[in-house]
Amino acid sequence: MIRRAFFARSVHEVAPDLIGVTLLFDGVGGRIVEVEAYDHEDPASHGYGGRRTARNASMFGPPGHAYVYRSYGIHWCLNLVCGDEGVPEAVLIRALEPTKGIDEQRARRGGDDVRALCSGPGKLCQALGITGEHDGLPLDRRPFRLEPRRAVAEVVRGPRVGITRATELSWRYGEGGSRFLSRPLRAAEA
């Protein structure tokens, strides 16, 4: 099992290392196939400028904890806090390849298409049952469980999506060739 110490590094180191890791919530989940990195100097980050609020407080907390927030007042989004305590950095989990509890995920999301269950941050929180009440929880204790990847995944990097600031930054990471991504991901130009 992955412990909190794994997250006590730069978000830019942790984000690509999460591709292929299994994320379980109460035993339901799958392999992480897509993430985005957000650091404290990033204008698209909730922690940009060091302004701590009730909404983003967990992002300023110790690494290895969940930062769960509601996006546009509709969807819950799961982030994994990284770096040093007090410095807001987190990895947004954008997509999973469902592997455990698929029937439970289908019941929560509706539909039969396994590819559509967790192909976006809001979808995966709904499929796994993650809500704001899980904000701030440690990632190495129930209901969370993170299992190391079994093999090194091919990691592809490109620009983030769904944001309006710092869109040129290639801080989105995904498993090359995965059909479970939220959107296609092409490698960033060097």
N, C-alpha and C. Protein backbone atom coordinates (compact mmCIF):
# COMPACT_ATOMS: atom_id res chain seq x y z
N MET A 1 0.84 -1.18 0.00
CA MET A 1 0.00 0.00 0.00
C MET A 1 0.89 1.25 0.00
N ILE A 2 0.44 2.27 -0.72
CA ILE A 2 1.18 3.52 -0.77
C ILE A 2 0.88 4.33 0.50
N ARG A 3 1.93 4.81 1.14
CA ARG A 3 1.82 5.58 2.38
C ARG A 3 1.90 7.07 2.09
N ARG A 4 1.59 7.86 3.09
CA ARG A 4 1.58 9.33 2.94
C ARG A 4 2.93 9.88 2.51
N ALA A 5 4.02 9.26 2.91
CA ALA A 5 5.36 9.74 2.56
C ALA A 5 5.57 9.82 1.05
N PHE A 6 4.88 8.99 0.29
CA PHE A 6 4.95 9.01 -1.18
C PHE A 6 4.61 10.40 -1.73
N PHE A 7 3.72 11.10 -1.03
CA PHE A 7 3.21 12.39 -1.50
C PHE A 7 4.05 13.58 -1.02
N ALA A 8 5.05 13.34 -0.19
CA ALA A 8 5.89 14.41 0.36
C ALA A 8 6.99 14.77 -0.62
N ARG A 9 6.59 15.01 -1.86
CA ARG A 9 7.48 15.41 -2.95
C ARG A 9 6.74 16.43 -3.80
N SER A 10 7.45 17.02 -4.72
CA SER A 10 6.83 17.96 -5.65
C SER A 10 5.67 17.30 -6.39
N VAL A 11 4.62 18.06 -6.59
CA VAL A 11 3.46 17.58 -7.34
C VAL A 11 3.88 17.13 -8.75
N HIS A 12 4.95 17.73 -9.27
CA HIS A 12 5.41 17.39 -10.62
C HIS A 12 6.15 16.05 -10.65
N GLU A 13 6.58 15.56 -9.51
CA GLU A 13 7.15 14.21 -9.41
C GLU A 13 6.05 13.20 -9.13
N VAL A 14 5.14 13.56 -8.26
CA VAL A 14 4.08 12.64 -7.85
C VAL A 14 3.11 12.36 -9.00
N ALA A 15 2.69 13.39 -9.72
CA ALA A 15 1.64 13.24 -10.75
C ALA A 15 1.95 12.12 -11.75
N PRO A 16 3.10 12.12 -12.43
CA PRO A 16 3.34 11.03 -13.38
C PRO A 16 3.50 9.67 -12.70
N ASP A 17 3.98 9.66 -11.44
CA ASP A 17 4.15 8.40 -10.71
C ASP A 17 2.82 7.78 -10.30
N LEU A 18 1.72 8.53 -10.38
CA LEU A 18 0.41 8.00 -10.04
C LEU A 18 -0.23 7.21 -11.18
N ILE A 19 0.26 7.41 -12.40
CA ILE A 19 -0.31 6.68 -13.53
C ILE A 19 -0.03 5.18 -13.34
N GLY A 20 -1.10 4.39 -13.33
CA GLY A 20 -0.99 2.95 -13.13
C GLY A 20 -1.23 2.51 -11.69
N VAL A 21 -1.27 3.46 -10.75
CA VAL A 21 -1.56 3.14 -9.35
C VAL A 21 -3.05 2.81 -9.23
N THR A 22 -3.38 1.85 -8.38
CA THR A 22 -4.79 1.51 -8.15
C THR A 22 -5.33 2.35 -7.00
N LEU A 23 -6.43 3.04 -7.25
CA LEU A 23 -7.12 3.86 -6.26
C LEU A 23 -8.43 3.16 -5.90
N LEU A 24 -8.57 2.84 -4.62
CA LEU A 24 -9.80 2.23 -4.14
C LEU A 24 -10.42 3.11 -3.06
N PHE A 25 -11.74 3.17 -3.08
CA PHE A 25 -12.50 3.88 -2.06
C PHE A 25 -13.56 2.91 -1.57
N ASP A 26 -13.42 2.49 -0.31
CA ASP A 26 -14.27 1.43 0.24
C ASP A 26 -14.28 0.20 -0.66
N GLY A 27 -13.11 -0.12 -1.23
CA GLY A 27 -12.95 -1.31 -2.07
C GLY A 27 -13.40 -1.16 -3.50
N VAL A 28 -13.89 0.01 -3.88
CA VAL A 28 -14.38 0.26 -5.24
C VAL A 28 -13.42 1.22 -5.93
N GLY A 29 -13.06 0.92 -7.19
CA GLY A 29 -12.18 1.84 -7.92
C GLY A 29 -11.51 1.19 -9.09
N GLY A 30 -10.25 1.60 -9.32
CA GLY A 30 -9.53 1.09 -10.48
C GLY A 30 -8.16 1.73 -10.61
N ARG A 31 -7.55 1.50 -11.77
CA ARG A 31 -6.21 2.02 -12.07
C ARG A 31 -6.31 3.48 -12.51
N ILE A 32 -5.46 4.31 -11.95
CA ILE A 32 -5.41 5.72 -12.36
C ILE A 32 -4.79 5.79 -13.74
N VAL A 33 -5.51 6.41 -14.69
CA VAL A 33 -5.00 6.53 -16.06
C VAL A 33 -4.82 7.99 -16.49
N GLU A 34 -5.29 8.95 -15.66
CA GLU A 34 -5.16 10.36 -16.05
C GLU A 34 -5.20 11.25 -14.82
N VAL A 35 -4.27 12.20 -14.76
CA VAL A 35 -4.18 13.16 -13.65
C VAL A 35 -3.74 14.52 -14.19
N GLU A 36 -3.89 15.54 -13.35
CA GLU A 36 -3.35 16.87 -13.64
C GLU A 36 -2.67 17.41 -12.39
N ALA A 37 -1.55 18.09 -12.59
CA ALA A 37 -0.79 18.68 -11.49
C ALA A 37 -1.15 20.16 -11.33
N TYR A 38 -1.25 20.61 -10.06
CA TYR A 38 -1.51 22.00 -9.73
C TYR A 38 -0.57 22.39 -8.60
N ASP A 39 0.28 23.40 -8.84
CA ASP A 39 1.20 23.82 -7.78
C ASP A 39 0.89 25.23 -7.31
N HIS A 40 1.60 25.69 -6.30
CA HIS A 40 1.29 26.97 -5.64
C HIS A 40 1.58 28.19 -6.49
N GLU A 41 2.36 28.05 -7.56
CA GLU A 41 2.66 29.18 -8.45
C GLU A 41 1.79 29.18 -9.70
N ASP A 42 0.84 28.30 -9.76
CA ASP A 42 -0.01 28.07 -10.92
C ASP A 42 -1.29 28.90 -10.81
N PRO A 43 -1.52 29.83 -11.74
CA PRO A 43 -2.74 30.66 -11.66
C PRO A 43 -4.05 29.88 -11.76
N ALA A 44 -3.99 28.62 -12.23
CA ALA A 44 -5.20 27.79 -12.31
C ALA A 44 -5.45 27.02 -11.02
N SER A 45 -4.51 27.09 -10.08
CA SER A 45 -4.61 26.33 -8.83
C SER A 45 -5.49 27.03 -7.81
N HIS A 46 -6.22 26.26 -7.03
CA HIS A 46 -7.03 26.82 -5.95
C HIS A 46 -6.18 27.45 -4.86
N GLY A 47 -4.90 27.09 -4.79
CA GLY A 47 -4.01 27.64 -3.77
C GLY A 47 -3.12 28.76 -4.26
N TYR A 48 -3.35 29.21 -5.50
CA TYR A 48 -2.52 30.26 -6.08
C TYR A 48 -2.57 31.53 -5.23
N GLY A 49 -1.41 32.10 -5.00
CA GLY A 49 -1.33 33.33 -4.23
C GLY A 49 -1.33 33.09 -2.72
N GLY A 50 -1.39 31.82 -2.32
CA GLY A 50 -1.33 31.50 -0.90
C GLY A 50 -2.58 31.82 -0.11
N ARG A 51 -3.68 32.10 -0.81
CA ARG A 51 -4.93 32.45 -0.14
C ARG A 51 -5.67 31.19 0.33
N ARG A 52 -5.67 30.99 1.62
CA ARG A 52 -6.35 29.83 2.22
C ARG A 52 -7.79 30.20 2.53
N THR A 53 -8.72 29.34 2.12
CA THR A 53 -10.14 29.54 2.38
C THR A 53 -10.72 28.27 3.00
N ALA A 54 -11.97 28.32 3.40
CA ALA A 54 -12.62 27.12 3.92
C ALA A 54 -12.66 26.04 2.85
N ARG A 55 -12.86 26.44 1.59
CA ARG A 55 -12.95 25.47 0.49
C ARG A 55 -11.63 24.76 0.23
N ASN A 56 -10.51 25.50 0.23
CA ASN A 56 -9.23 24.92 -0.19
C ASN A 56 -8.31 24.56 0.98
N ALA A 57 -8.77 24.63 2.21
CA ALA A 57 -7.91 24.43 3.39
C ALA A 57 -7.14 23.11 3.35
N SER A 58 -7.76 22.04 2.87
CA SER A 58 -7.08 20.74 2.82
C SER A 58 -5.89 20.75 1.89
N MET A 59 -5.93 21.60 0.87
CA MET A 59 -4.81 21.69 -0.08
C MET A 59 -3.55 22.23 0.61
N PHE A 60 -3.72 22.97 1.70
CA PHE A 60 -2.60 23.53 2.45
C PHE A 60 -2.13 22.58 3.56
N GLY A 61 -2.84 21.49 3.74
CA GLY A 61 -2.54 20.56 4.81
C GLY A 61 -1.39 19.63 4.50
N PRO A 62 -1.22 18.62 5.32
CA PRO A 62 -0.10 17.69 5.13
C PRO A 62 -0.28 16.86 3.86
N PRO A 63 0.84 16.47 3.24
CA PRO A 63 0.75 15.62 2.05
C PRO A 63 0.15 14.26 2.40
N GLY A 64 -0.44 13.62 1.37
CA GLY A 64 -1.03 12.31 1.58
C GLY A 64 -2.44 12.36 2.12
N HIS A 65 -3.11 13.48 1.91
CA HIS A 65 -4.51 13.64 2.31
C HIS A 65 -5.35 14.01 1.09
N ALA A 66 -6.65 13.81 1.20
CA ALA A 66 -7.57 14.14 0.11
C ALA A 66 -7.96 15.62 0.19
N TYR A 67 -8.04 16.22 -0.97
CA TYR A 67 -8.64 17.55 -1.11
C TYR A 67 -9.82 17.35 -2.06
N VAL A 68 -11.03 17.40 -1.52
CA VAL A 68 -12.25 17.18 -2.30
C VAL A 68 -13.03 18.47 -2.34
N TYR A 69 -13.37 18.91 -3.53
CA TYR A 69 -14.15 20.14 -3.68
C TYR A 69 -15.23 19.94 -4.73
N ARG A 70 -16.20 20.82 -4.71
CA ARG A 70 -17.28 20.77 -5.69
C ARG A 70 -16.95 21.72 -6.84
N SER A 71 -17.01 21.20 -8.04
CA SER A 71 -16.70 21.97 -9.23
C SER A 71 -18.00 22.54 -9.82
N TYR A 72 -18.02 23.84 -10.02
CA TYR A 72 -19.19 24.53 -10.57
C TYR A 72 -20.46 24.23 -9.79
N GLY A 73 -20.32 23.88 -8.51
CA GLY A 73 -21.48 23.60 -7.68
C GLY A 73 -22.20 22.32 -8.02
N ILE A 74 -21.59 21.48 -8.88
CA ILE A 74 -22.28 20.28 -9.37
C ILE A 74 -21.54 18.99 -9.02
N HIS A 75 -20.28 18.89 -9.45
CA HIS A 75 -19.51 17.64 -9.37
C HIS A 75 -18.45 17.70 -8.28
N TRP A 76 -18.27 16.61 -7.55
CA TRP A 76 -17.16 16.49 -6.61
C TRP A 76 -15.92 16.11 -7.39
N CYS A 77 -14.77 16.64 -6.98
CA CYS A 77 -13.49 16.33 -7.61
C CYS A 77 -12.49 15.93 -6.52
N LEU A 78 -11.71 14.87 -6.79
CA LEU A 78 -10.74 14.36 -5.84
C LEU A 78 -9.33 14.77 -6.25
N ASN A 79 -8.63 15.38 -5.30
CA ASN A 79 -7.22 15.74 -5.47
C ASN A 79 -6.42 15.08 -4.35
N LEU A 80 -5.17 14.75 -4.63
CA LEU A 80 -4.27 14.16 -3.65
C LEU A 80 -3.21 15.20 -3.32
N VAL A 81 -3.16 15.62 -2.05
CA VAL A 81 -2.26 16.70 -1.62
C VAL A 81 -0.82 16.21 -1.62
N CYS A 82 0.08 17.04 -2.16
CA CYS A 82 1.50 16.70 -2.30
C CYS A 82 2.38 17.79 -1.68
N GLY A 83 3.69 17.56 -1.73
CA GLY A 83 4.67 18.58 -1.36
C GLY A 83 4.84 18.74 0.13
N ASP A 84 5.04 19.99 0.54
CA ASP A 84 5.26 20.33 1.94
C ASP A 84 3.99 20.93 2.53
N GLU A 85 3.73 20.61 3.80
CA GLU A 85 2.57 21.17 4.47
C GLU A 85 2.65 22.69 4.45
N GLY A 86 1.53 23.34 4.17
CA GLY A 86 1.48 24.79 4.10
C GLY A 86 1.70 25.34 2.70
N VAL A 87 2.21 24.51 1.79
CA VAL A 87 2.44 24.92 0.40
C VAL A 87 1.41 24.16 -0.46
N PRO A 88 0.42 24.86 -1.02
CA PRO A 88 -0.68 24.18 -1.70
C PRO A 88 -0.30 23.56 -3.05
N GLU A 89 -0.19 22.25 -3.05
CA GLU A 89 0.05 21.48 -4.27
C GLU A 89 -0.84 20.24 -4.22
N ALA A 90 -1.43 19.89 -5.36
CA ALA A 90 -2.28 18.71 -5.38
C ALA A 90 -2.38 18.16 -6.80
N VAL A 91 -2.68 16.87 -6.87
CA VAL A 91 -2.90 16.18 -8.14
C VAL A 91 -4.39 15.90 -8.25
N LEU A 92 -5.01 16.41 -9.31
CA LEU A 92 -6.41 16.11 -9.61
C LEU A 92 -6.47 14.75 -10.30
N ILE A 93 -7.29 13.85 -9.78
CA ILE A 93 -7.49 12.55 -10.41
C ILE A 93 -8.58 12.73 -11.46
N ARG A 94 -8.20 12.62 -12.74
CA ARG A 94 -9.13 12.88 -13.84
C ARG A 94 -9.84 11.63 -14.34
N ALA A 95 -9.17 10.46 -14.31
CA ALA A 95 -9.83 9.27 -14.87
C ALA A 95 -9.20 7.99 -14.32
N LEU A 96 -10.06 6.98 -14.18
CA LEU A 96 -9.66 5.64 -13.77
C LEU A 96 -10.10 4.63 -14.81
N GLU A 97 -9.38 3.52 -14.88
CA GLU A 97 -9.87 2.33 -15.57
C GLU A 97 -10.52 1.48 -14.49
N PRO A 98 -11.85 1.37 -14.49
CA PRO A 98 -12.54 0.62 -13.43
C PRO A 98 -12.10 -0.84 -13.40
N THR A 99 -11.76 -1.34 -12.20
CA THR A 99 -11.35 -2.74 -12.04
C THR A 99 -12.03 -3.42 -10.87
N LYS A 100 -12.50 -2.67 -9.88
CA LYS A 100 -13.11 -3.26 -8.67
C LYS A 100 -14.46 -2.60 -8.39
N GLY A 101 -15.45 -3.43 -8.07
CA GLY A 101 -16.77 -2.90 -7.73
C GLY A 101 -17.47 -2.27 -8.92
N ILE A 102 -17.32 -2.86 -10.09
CA ILE A 102 -17.90 -2.27 -11.30
C ILE A 102 -19.43 -2.21 -11.21
N ASP A 103 -20.06 -3.22 -10.62
CA ASP A 103 -21.53 -3.19 -10.47
C ASP A 103 -21.96 -2.02 -9.59
N GLU A 104 -21.20 -1.76 -8.51
CA GLU A 104 -21.51 -0.61 -7.64
C GLU A 104 -21.34 0.70 -8.41
N GLN A 105 -20.29 0.78 -9.21
CA GLN A 105 -20.06 1.99 -10.00
C GLN A 105 -21.19 2.21 -11.00
N ARG A 106 -21.62 1.14 -11.64
CA ARG A 106 -22.74 1.24 -12.59
C ARG A 106 -24.02 1.70 -11.89
N ALA A 107 -24.27 1.18 -10.70
CA ALA A 107 -25.47 1.56 -9.96
C ALA A 107 -25.45 3.04 -9.60
N ARG A 108 -24.28 3.57 -9.25
CA ARG A 108 -24.16 4.99 -8.88
C ARG A 108 -24.23 5.91 -10.09
N ARG A 109 -23.67 5.45 -11.22
CA ARG A 109 -23.58 6.30 -12.40
C ARG A 109 -24.69 6.04 -13.41
N GLY A 110 -25.21 4.81 -13.45
CA GLY A 110 -26.18 4.44 -14.47
C GLY A 110 -25.45 4.07 -15.76
N GLY A 111 -26.06 3.22 -16.54
CA GLY A 111 -25.47 2.82 -17.81
C GLY A 111 -24.58 1.60 -17.68
N ASP A 112 -24.28 1.01 -18.83
CA ASP A 112 -23.49 -0.22 -18.86
C ASP A 112 -22.07 -0.03 -19.37
N ASP A 113 -21.80 1.09 -20.04
CA ASP A 113 -20.49 1.30 -20.66
C ASP A 113 -19.42 1.51 -19.59
N VAL A 114 -18.57 0.52 -19.37
CA VAL A 114 -17.54 0.59 -18.34
C VAL A 114 -16.57 1.74 -18.60
N ARG A 115 -16.36 2.08 -19.88
CA ARG A 115 -15.45 3.16 -20.22
C ARG A 115 -15.96 4.52 -19.72
N ALA A 116 -17.26 4.68 -19.63
CA ALA A 116 -17.85 5.96 -19.23
C ALA A 116 -17.99 6.13 -17.71
N LEU A 117 -17.70 5.10 -16.95
CA LEU A 117 -17.92 5.17 -15.50
C LEU A 117 -17.03 6.20 -14.81
N CYS A 118 -15.74 6.24 -15.15
CA CYS A 118 -14.77 7.07 -14.43
C CYS A 118 -13.94 7.92 -15.36
N SER A 119 -14.48 8.28 -16.52
CA SER A 119 -13.73 9.04 -17.53
C SER A 119 -13.93 10.54 -17.37
N GLY A 120 -13.65 11.03 -16.18
CA GLY A 120 -13.73 12.44 -15.85
C GLY A 120 -13.75 12.56 -14.34
N PRO A 121 -13.26 13.69 -13.80
CA PRO A 121 -13.15 13.81 -12.34
C PRO A 121 -14.49 13.73 -11.61
N GLY A 122 -15.53 14.33 -12.16
CA GLY A 122 -16.85 14.26 -11.53
C GLY A 122 -17.46 12.88 -11.62
N LYS A 123 -17.28 12.24 -12.77
CA LYS A 123 -17.81 10.89 -12.97
C LYS A 123 -17.18 9.91 -11.99
N LEU A 124 -15.84 10.01 -11.83
CA LEU A 124 -15.18 9.02 -10.97
C LEU A 124 -15.57 9.21 -9.51
N CYS A 125 -15.75 10.46 -9.07
CA CYS A 125 -16.20 10.67 -7.69
C CYS A 125 -17.61 10.11 -7.49
N GLN A 126 -18.47 10.30 -8.47
CA GLN A 126 -19.82 9.76 -8.37
C GLN A 126 -19.77 8.23 -8.36
N ALA A 127 -18.99 7.62 -9.23
CA ALA A 127 -18.90 6.17 -9.33
C ALA A 127 -18.34 5.54 -8.05
N LEU A 128 -17.40 6.23 -7.40
CA LEU A 128 -16.77 5.70 -6.20
C LEU A 128 -17.50 6.12 -4.92
N GLY A 129 -18.39 7.10 -5.01
CA GLY A 129 -19.12 7.58 -3.83
C GLY A 129 -18.34 8.59 -3.01
N ILE A 130 -17.41 9.31 -3.64
CA ILE A 130 -16.61 10.32 -2.94
C ILE A 130 -17.35 11.65 -2.94
N THR A 131 -17.46 12.27 -1.75
CA THR A 131 -18.15 13.55 -1.60
C THR A 131 -17.32 14.48 -0.72
N GLY A 132 -17.84 15.64 -0.48
CA GLY A 132 -17.16 16.63 0.35
C GLY A 132 -16.90 16.16 1.78
N GLU A 133 -17.66 15.20 2.27
CA GLU A 133 -17.42 14.70 3.62
C GLU A 133 -16.10 13.95 3.73
N HIS A 134 -15.48 13.65 2.59
CA HIS A 134 -14.20 12.92 2.58
C HIS A 134 -13.00 13.86 2.43
N ASP A 135 -13.28 15.15 2.34
CA ASP A 135 -12.21 16.15 2.25
C ASP A 135 -11.33 16.09 3.49
N GLY A 136 -10.02 16.08 3.28
CA GLY A 136 -9.07 16.11 4.38
C GLY A 136 -8.69 14.75 4.95
N LEU A 137 -9.31 13.68 4.48
CA LEU A 137 -9.01 12.35 5.02
C LEU A 137 -7.64 11.87 4.54
N PRO A 138 -6.93 11.09 5.37
CA PRO A 138 -5.66 10.53 4.95
C PRO A 138 -5.86 9.47 3.86
N LEU A 139 -4.93 9.42 2.93
CA LEU A 139 -5.06 8.51 1.80
C LEU A 139 -4.58 7.10 2.10
N ASP A 140 -3.93 6.90 3.25
CA ASP A 140 -3.44 5.56 3.58
C ASP A 140 -4.26 4.89 4.68
N ARG A 141 -5.50 5.34 4.82
CA ARG A 141 -6.44 4.73 5.77
C ARG A 141 -7.80 4.61 5.10
N ARG A 142 -8.60 3.67 5.60
CA ARG A 142 -9.96 3.54 5.07
C ARG A 142 -10.71 4.85 5.22
N PRO A 143 -11.48 5.21 4.25
CA PRO A 143 -11.99 4.42 3.13
C PRO A 143 -11.06 4.38 1.91
N PHE A 144 -9.94 5.13 1.94
CA PHE A 144 -9.02 5.15 0.80
C PHE A 144 -8.02 4.00 0.89
N ARG A 145 -7.57 3.57 -0.26
CA ARG A 145 -6.46 2.63 -0.38
C ARG A 145 -5.80 2.86 -1.75
N LEU A 146 -4.49 3.05 -1.73
CA LEU A 146 -3.72 3.21 -2.96
C LEU A 146 -2.71 2.08 -3.04
N GLU A 147 -2.76 1.32 -4.13
CA GLU A 147 -1.87 0.19 -4.33
C GLU A 147 -0.87 0.54 -5.43
N PRO A 148 0.41 0.21 -5.21
CA PRO A 148 1.44 0.55 -6.20
C PRO A 148 1.15 -0.07 -7.56
N ARG A 149 1.62 0.59 -8.59
CA ARG A 149 1.46 0.03 -9.93
C ARG A 149 2.34 -1.21 -10.05
N ARG A 150 1.88 -2.15 -10.83
CA ARG A 150 2.60 -3.41 -10.99
C ARG A 150 3.70 -3.30 -12.03
N ALA A 151 3.52 -2.46 -13.00
CA ALA A 151 4.52 -2.26 -14.04
C ALA A 151 4.56 -0.77 -14.35
N VAL A 152 5.66 -0.32 -14.88
CA VAL A 152 5.78 1.08 -15.26
C VAL A 152 4.91 1.32 -16.48
N ALA A 153 3.97 2.21 -16.32
CA ALA A 153 3.06 2.54 -17.41
C ALA A 153 3.73 3.51 -18.37
N GLU A 154 3.30 3.50 -19.63
CA GLU A 154 3.75 4.53 -20.57
C GLU A 154 3.00 5.80 -20.20
N VAL A 155 3.73 6.81 -19.80
CA VAL A 155 3.12 8.06 -19.38
C VAL A 155 3.30 9.10 -20.48
N VAL A 156 2.18 9.67 -20.89
CA VAL A 156 2.15 10.71 -21.91
C VAL A 156 1.77 12.01 -21.22
N ARG A 157 2.35 13.11 -21.65
CA ARG A 157 2.12 14.41 -21.01
C ARG A 157 1.58 15.39 -22.04
N GLY A 158 0.66 16.26 -21.60
CA GLY A 158 0.10 17.27 -22.50
C GLY A 158 -0.56 18.37 -21.70
N PRO A 159 -1.19 19.33 -22.39
CA PRO A 159 -1.85 20.44 -21.70
C PRO A 159 -3.08 19.99 -20.91
N ARG A 160 -3.35 20.69 -19.80
CA ARG A 160 -4.52 20.41 -18.99
C ARG A 160 -5.78 20.84 -19.72
N VAL A 161 -6.92 20.33 -19.27
CA VAL A 161 -8.20 20.66 -19.90
C VAL A 161 -9.17 21.18 -18.85
N GLY A 162 -10.21 21.88 -19.31
CA GLY A 162 -11.26 22.34 -18.41
C GLY A 162 -10.89 23.53 -17.55
N ILE A 163 -9.82 24.24 -17.92
CA ILE A 163 -9.39 25.42 -17.16
C ILE A 163 -9.26 26.59 -18.14
N THR A 164 -9.18 27.80 -17.60
CA THR A 164 -9.05 28.98 -18.45
C THR A 164 -7.72 29.70 -18.26
N ARG A 165 -6.98 29.35 -17.20
CA ARG A 165 -5.68 29.97 -16.94
C ARG A 165 -4.57 28.94 -17.08
N ALA A 166 -3.39 29.38 -17.48
CA ALA A 166 -2.20 28.52 -17.59
C ALA A 166 -2.49 27.28 -18.44
N THR A 167 -3.25 27.45 -19.50
CA THR A 167 -3.64 26.33 -20.36
C THR A 167 -2.46 25.81 -21.19
N GLU A 168 -1.40 26.58 -21.27
CA GLU A 168 -0.25 26.16 -22.07
C GLU A 168 0.66 25.17 -21.33
N LEU A 169 0.47 25.03 -20.03
CA LEU A 169 1.33 24.15 -19.25
C LEU A 169 0.99 22.68 -19.51
N SER A 170 1.99 21.88 -19.76
CA SER A 170 1.80 20.45 -20.03
C SER A 170 1.88 19.66 -18.72
N TRP A 171 0.88 19.88 -17.87
CA TRP A 171 0.85 19.26 -16.55
C TRP A 171 -0.28 18.24 -16.44
N ARG A 172 -0.73 17.74 -17.57
CA ARG A 172 -1.71 16.65 -17.60
C ARG A 172 -0.93 15.39 -18.01
N TYR A 173 -1.15 14.31 -17.24
CA TYR A 173 -0.44 13.06 -17.48
C TYR A 173 -1.45 11.95 -17.67
N GLY A 174 -1.18 11.07 -18.62
CA GLY A 174 -2.08 9.96 -18.86
C GLY A 174 -1.35 8.73 -19.33
N GLU A 175 -2.03 7.62 -19.23
CA GLU A 175 -1.48 6.37 -19.73
C GLU A 175 -1.64 6.33 -21.24
N GLY A 176 -0.53 6.23 -21.95
CA GLY A 176 -0.56 6.20 -23.41
C GLY A 176 -1.43 5.06 -23.92
N GLY A 177 -2.34 5.39 -24.83
CA GLY A 177 -3.20 4.40 -25.46
C GLY A 177 -4.41 3.96 -24.65
N SER A 178 -4.59 4.49 -23.45
CA SER A 178 -5.73 4.07 -22.63
C SER A 178 -7.04 4.55 -23.24
N ARG A 179 -8.03 3.68 -23.26
CA ARG A 179 -9.36 4.05 -23.76
C ARG A 179 -10.23 4.62 -22.66
N PHE A 180 -9.66 4.76 -21.45
CA PHE A 180 -10.42 5.23 -20.30
C PHE A 180 -10.15 6.69 -19.95
N LEU A 181 -9.36 7.40 -20.76
CA LEU A 181 -9.07 8.81 -20.52
C LEU A 181 -10.35 9.64 -20.65
N SER A 182 -10.36 10.80 -19.98
CA SER A 182 -11.52 11.68 -20.09
C SER A 182 -11.59 12.32 -21.48
N ARG A 183 -10.44 12.59 -22.04
CA ARG A 183 -10.30 13.14 -23.40
C ARG A 183 -9.00 12.61 -23.98
N PRO A 184 -8.90 12.53 -25.31
CA PRO A 184 -7.63 12.06 -25.91
C PRO A 184 -6.46 12.92 -25.44
N LEU A 185 -5.31 12.30 -25.32
CA LEU A 185 -4.11 12.98 -24.85
C LEU A 185 -2.98 12.66 -25.82
N ARG A 186 -2.47 13.71 -26.42
CA ARG A 186 -1.32 13.56 -27.31
C ARG A 186 -0.11 14.11 -26.61
N ALA A 187 1.02 13.49 -26.87
CA ALA A 187 2.26 13.92 -26.22
C ALA A 187 2.55 15.38 -26.50
N ALA A 188 3.07 16.06 -25.49
CA ALA A 188 3.47 17.46 -25.63
C ALA A 188 4.70 17.55 -26.51
N GLU A 189 4.81 18.62 -27.24
CA GLU A 189 6.00 18.83 -28.06
C GLU A 189 7.15 19.23 -27.14
N ALA A 190 8.30 18.71 -27.45
CA ALA A 190 9.48 18.98 -26.62
C ALA A 190 9.97 20.40 -26.79
